């Protein structure tokens, strides 16, 4: 069993990532940490095979420093950067600190599990988008790779439509028969996929891209 620690200071995102991993027979979430100090403490007495690390934890320098600490102190623990940043220089910096993999937060369940299994075997994991960014040394490569349009899951599309109708989180949860936390996770995922800071700009951008009428 591959033991995973999720290091991220956003509770909703941690729960979302855990839900993606939970169905795997080979991978388990052993710990969830919301601060740098808690990661250090848990690693001191818990065997962890893979750390999914948000680079901005809570700031980029903190995430980079933690990655270096983990890889130097626990060489058998592999770090996968899980972040919304698609900057080539940042990818290179975290790799120099010892990270074995790099994923954007809009990753799919299949890709997440594959990344965990790959780095657990001691191999690096960088998907086509990240590789393209590195080759072109800039975030524009990502945009051309995905054709400027995010790929939404069916549930994300439903949440987006309900958000455009002005429904509250609880109203959306009731209509979709899910928890309010699940709705917030999908909302956060949409904000990251569209690279926007708030709901108003999300709706505006989605309308411009013709995701909603």
Protein backbone atom coordinates (compact mmCIF):
# COMPACT_ATOMS: atom_id res chain seq x y z
CA UNK A 1 0.00 0.00 0.00
CA UNK A 2 1.36 3.42 -1.00
CA UNK A 3 0.98 5.84 1.90
CA UNK A 4 0.27 9.42 0.85
CA UNK A 5 0.39 12.68 2.80
CA UNK A 6 -1.54 15.65 1.39
CA UNK A 7 0.04 18.99 2.32
CA UNK A 8 -2.24 21.92 1.47
CA UNK A 9 -3.67 24.77 3.55
CA UNK A 10 -7.07 24.63 1.85
CA UNK A 11 -9.34 22.15 3.62
CA UNK A 12 -11.83 21.82 0.75
CA UNK A 13 -9.09 21.00 -1.72
CA UNK A 14 -7.55 18.40 0.59
CA UNK A 15 -10.92 16.69 0.92
CA UNK A 16 -11.36 16.74 -2.84
CA UNK A 17 -7.98 15.15 -3.48
CA UNK A 18 -8.65 12.55 -0.80
CA UNK A 19 -11.93 11.65 -2.48
CA UNK A 20 -10.09 11.03 -5.77
CA UNK A 21 -7.59 8.71 -4.07
CA UNK A 22 -10.01 6.90 -1.77
CA UNK A 23 -11.20 4.35 -4.33
CA UNK A 24 -7.73 3.05 -5.16
CA UNK A 25 -6.83 -0.38 -3.72
CA UNK A 26 -3.10 0.43 -3.86
CA UNK A 27 -3.04 3.96 -2.42
CA UNK A 28 -4.23 5.38 0.89
CA UNK A 29 -4.22 8.87 2.38
CA UNK A 30 -2.26 8.35 5.59
CA UNK A 31 -2.15 11.98 6.71
CA UNK A 32 -3.62 15.38 5.89
CA UNK A 33 -1.55 18.41 6.87
CA UNK A 34 -2.56 22.06 6.73
CA UNK A 35 0.70 23.67 7.89
CA UNK A 36 4.43 23.23 7.36
CA UNK A 37 4.97 22.39 11.03
CA UNK A 38 2.38 19.60 10.93
CA UNK A 39 4.09 18.04 7.89
CA UNK A 40 7.44 18.06 9.71
CA UNK A 41 5.84 16.54 12.80
CA UNK A 42 3.99 13.79 10.94
CA UNK A 43 7.02 12.75 8.88
CA UNK A 44 9.03 12.36 12.08
CA UNK A 45 6.92 9.43 13.27
CA UNK A 46 4.86 8.26 10.29
CA UNK A 47 6.03 6.33 7.22
CA UNK A 48 5.02 8.30 4.15
CA UNK A 49 5.83 7.18 0.62
CA UNK A 50 4.52 10.16 -1.36
CA UNK A 51 3.82 13.77 -0.36
CA UNK A 52 1.38 15.75 -2.51
CA UNK A 53 2.66 19.26 -1.83
CA UNK A 54 1.04 22.56 -2.66
CA UNK A 55 3.96 24.84 -3.56
CA UNK A 56 2.18 27.87 -2.08
CA UNK A 57 2.13 26.41 1.41
CA UNK A 58 1.28 29.05 2.48
CA UNK A 59 3.84 30.92 0.37
CA UNK A 60 6.04 29.72 -2.48
CA UNK A 61 9.27 29.99 -0.48
CA UNK A 62 7.68 27.89 2.28
CA UNK A 63 6.70 25.19 -0.19
CA UNK A 64 10.12 25.13 -1.82
CA UNK A 65 11.85 24.97 1.55
CA UNK A 66 9.59 22.16 2.74
CA UNK A 67 10.23 20.17 -0.43
CA UNK A 68 13.97 20.46 0.09
CA UNK A 69 13.65 19.46 3.74
CA UNK A 70 11.58 16.38 2.90
CA UNK A 71 13.82 15.11 0.12
CA UNK A 72 17.01 15.63 2.14
CA UNK A 73 15.73 14.27 5.44
CA UNK A 74 13.58 11.44 4.08
CA UNK A 75 15.17 10.26 0.79
CA UNK A 76 12.63 7.43 0.50
CA UNK A 77 9.73 9.87 0.54
CA UNK A 78 8.88 11.22 -2.90
CA UNK A 79 7.39 14.68 -3.42
CA UNK A 80 4.85 15.55 -6.12
CA UNK A 81 4.17 19.27 -6.46
CA UNK A 82 0.41 19.81 -6.78
CA UNK A 83 -0.25 23.44 -7.64
CA UNK A 84 -2.08 25.97 -9.79
CA UNK A 85 1.20 27.59 -10.93
CA UNK A 86 2.27 26.83 -14.51
CA UNK A 87 5.44 28.93 -14.56
CA UNK A 88 8.47 27.18 -16.07
CA UNK A 89 10.96 28.79 -13.68
CA UNK A 90 8.93 27.62 -10.68
CA UNK A 91 8.74 24.08 -12.04
CA UNK A 92 12.52 24.06 -12.43
CA UNK A 93 13.02 25.43 -8.90
CA UNK A 94 10.87 22.78 -7.22
CA UNK A 95 12.56 20.03 -9.24
CA UNK A 96 15.96 21.32 -8.08
CA UNK A 97 14.64 21.04 -4.52
CA UNK A 98 14.02 17.35 -5.13
CA UNK A 99 10.41 17.03 -6.35
CA UNK A 100 9.89 13.92 -8.49
CA UNK A 101 6.66 15.10 -10.12
CA UNK A 102 4.61 18.19 -10.94
CA UNK A 103 0.85 18.38 -11.42
CA UNK A 104 -1.57 21.24 -11.89
CA UNK A 105 -4.55 21.27 -9.56
CA UNK A 106 -7.00 20.62 -12.38
CA UNK A 107 -5.50 17.15 -12.82
CA UNK A 108 -7.74 14.14 -13.36
CA UNK A 109 -8.12 11.20 -11.01
CA UNK A 110 -6.40 8.88 -13.48
CA UNK A 111 -3.42 11.19 -13.83
CA UNK A 112 -3.13 11.76 -10.09
CA UNK A 113 -3.04 8.03 -9.35
CA UNK A 114 -0.56 7.45 -12.16
CA UNK A 115 1.73 10.19 -10.84
CA UNK A 116 1.68 8.73 -7.32
CA UNK A 117 2.46 5.23 -8.57
CA UNK A 118 5.21 6.47 -10.90
CA UNK A 119 7.16 8.47 -8.31
CA UNK A 120 6.69 5.68 -5.77
CA UNK A 121 8.68 3.52 -8.17
CA UNK A 122 11.43 6.12 -8.15
CA UNK A 123 10.65 7.55 -11.56
CA UNK A 124 9.87 11.21 -12.39
CA UNK A 125 6.37 12.19 -13.52
CA UNK A 126 5.69 15.15 -15.81
CA UNK A 127 2.71 15.10 -18.15
CA UNK A 128 2.60 16.53 -21.66
CA UNK A 129 1.46 19.96 -20.53
CA UNK A 130 4.25 20.39 -18.00
CA UNK A 131 6.81 19.00 -20.44
CA UNK A 132 5.58 21.45 -23.08
CA UNK A 133 5.88 24.35 -20.64
CA UNK A 134 9.45 23.37 -19.82
CA UNK A 135 10.39 22.93 -23.46
CA UNK A 136 8.99 26.35 -24.38
CA UNK A 137 10.10 27.88 -21.08
CA UNK A 138 6.81 29.60 -20.39
CA UNK A 139 3.14 29.14 -19.49
CA UNK A 140 1.90 29.87 -23.03
CA UNK A 141 2.73 26.30 -23.99
CA UNK A 142 0.03 25.09 -21.66
CA UNK A 143 -2.56 27.31 -23.29
CA UNK A 144 -1.73 26.11 -26.77
CA UNK A 145 -1.71 22.52 -25.56
CA UNK A 146 -5.28 22.75 -24.32
CA UNK A 147 -6.55 25.11 -27.00
CA UNK A 148 -7.29 27.88 -24.49
CA UNK A 149 -10.41 26.00 -23.29
CA UNK A 150 -10.52 24.08 -20.00
CA UNK A 151 -11.79 20.52 -20.04
CA UNK A 152 -14.66 20.28 -17.55
CA UNK A 153 -16.07 17.20 -15.89
CA UNK A 154 -19.86 16.65 -16.15
CA UNK A 155 -20.26 17.67 -12.50
CA UNK A 156 -18.21 20.83 -12.99
CA UNK A 157 -20.42 21.76 -15.94
CA UNK A 158 -23.51 21.31 -13.77
CA UNK A 159 -22.07 23.44 -10.99
CA UNK A 160 -21.06 26.11 -13.49
CA UNK A 161 -24.59 26.28 -14.92
CA UNK A 162 -26.14 26.56 -11.46
CA UNK A 163 -23.64 29.24 -10.45
CA UNK A 164 -24.63 31.20 -13.53
CA UNK A 165 -28.25 30.97 -12.36
CA UNK A 166 -27.26 32.62 -9.09
CA UNK A 167 -27.86 29.65 -6.78
CA UNK A 168 -26.15 29.55 -3.40
CA UNK A 169 -23.78 26.76 -2.41
CA UNK A 170 -26.47 25.09 -0.30
CA UNK A 171 -29.08 25.39 -3.06
CA UNK A 172 -26.68 23.77 -5.54
CA UNK A 173 -25.87 21.01 -3.05
CA UNK A 174 -29.57 20.27 -2.57
CA UNK A 175 -30.30 20.21 -6.28
CA UNK A 176 -27.30 17.99 -7.09
CA UNK A 177 -27.80 15.71 -4.06
CA UNK A 178 -24.24 16.31 -2.83
CA UNK A 179 -22.68 18.03 0.18
CA UNK A 180 -21.94 21.74 0.33
CA UNK A 181 -18.23 20.84 0.64
CA UNK A 182 -18.41 18.94 -2.64
CA UNK A 183 -19.92 21.98 -4.36
CA UNK A 184 -17.16 24.21 -2.93
CA UNK A 185 -14.53 21.78 -4.21
CA UNK A 186 -15.96 21.92 -7.74
CA UNK A 187 -16.19 25.71 -7.50
CA UNK A 188 -12.52 25.91 -6.51
CA UNK A 189 -11.61 23.59 -9.35
CA UNK A 190 -13.50 25.79 -11.83
CA UNK A 191 -11.71 28.91 -10.62
CA UNK A 192 -8.37 27.19 -11.15
CA UNK A 193 -9.27 25.77 -14.56
CA UNK A 194 -10.39 29.16 -15.84
CA UNK A 195 -7.52 30.93 -14.03
CA UNK A 196 -9.81 33.52 -12.44
CA UNK A 197 -9.92 34.82 -8.84
CA UNK A 198 -13.66 35.03 -8.18
CA UNK A 199 -17.11 33.80 -9.20
CA UNK A 200 -18.09 36.94 -11.11
CA UNK A 201 -15.08 36.70 -13.41
CA UNK A 202 -15.60 32.95 -13.71
CA UNK A 203 -19.12 33.45 -15.07
CA UNK A 204 -17.98 36.23 -17.40
CA UNK A 205 -15.10 34.13 -18.76
CA UNK A 206 -17.28 31.03 -19.15
CA UNK A 207 -19.83 33.05 -21.12
CA UNK A 208 -17.13 34.45 -23.40
CA UNK A 209 -15.90 30.91 -24.04
CA UNK A 210 -19.50 29.81 -24.66
CA UNK A 211 -19.64 27.29 -21.82
CA UNK A 212 -22.87 28.95 -20.74
CA UNK A 213 -25.44 31.06 -22.59
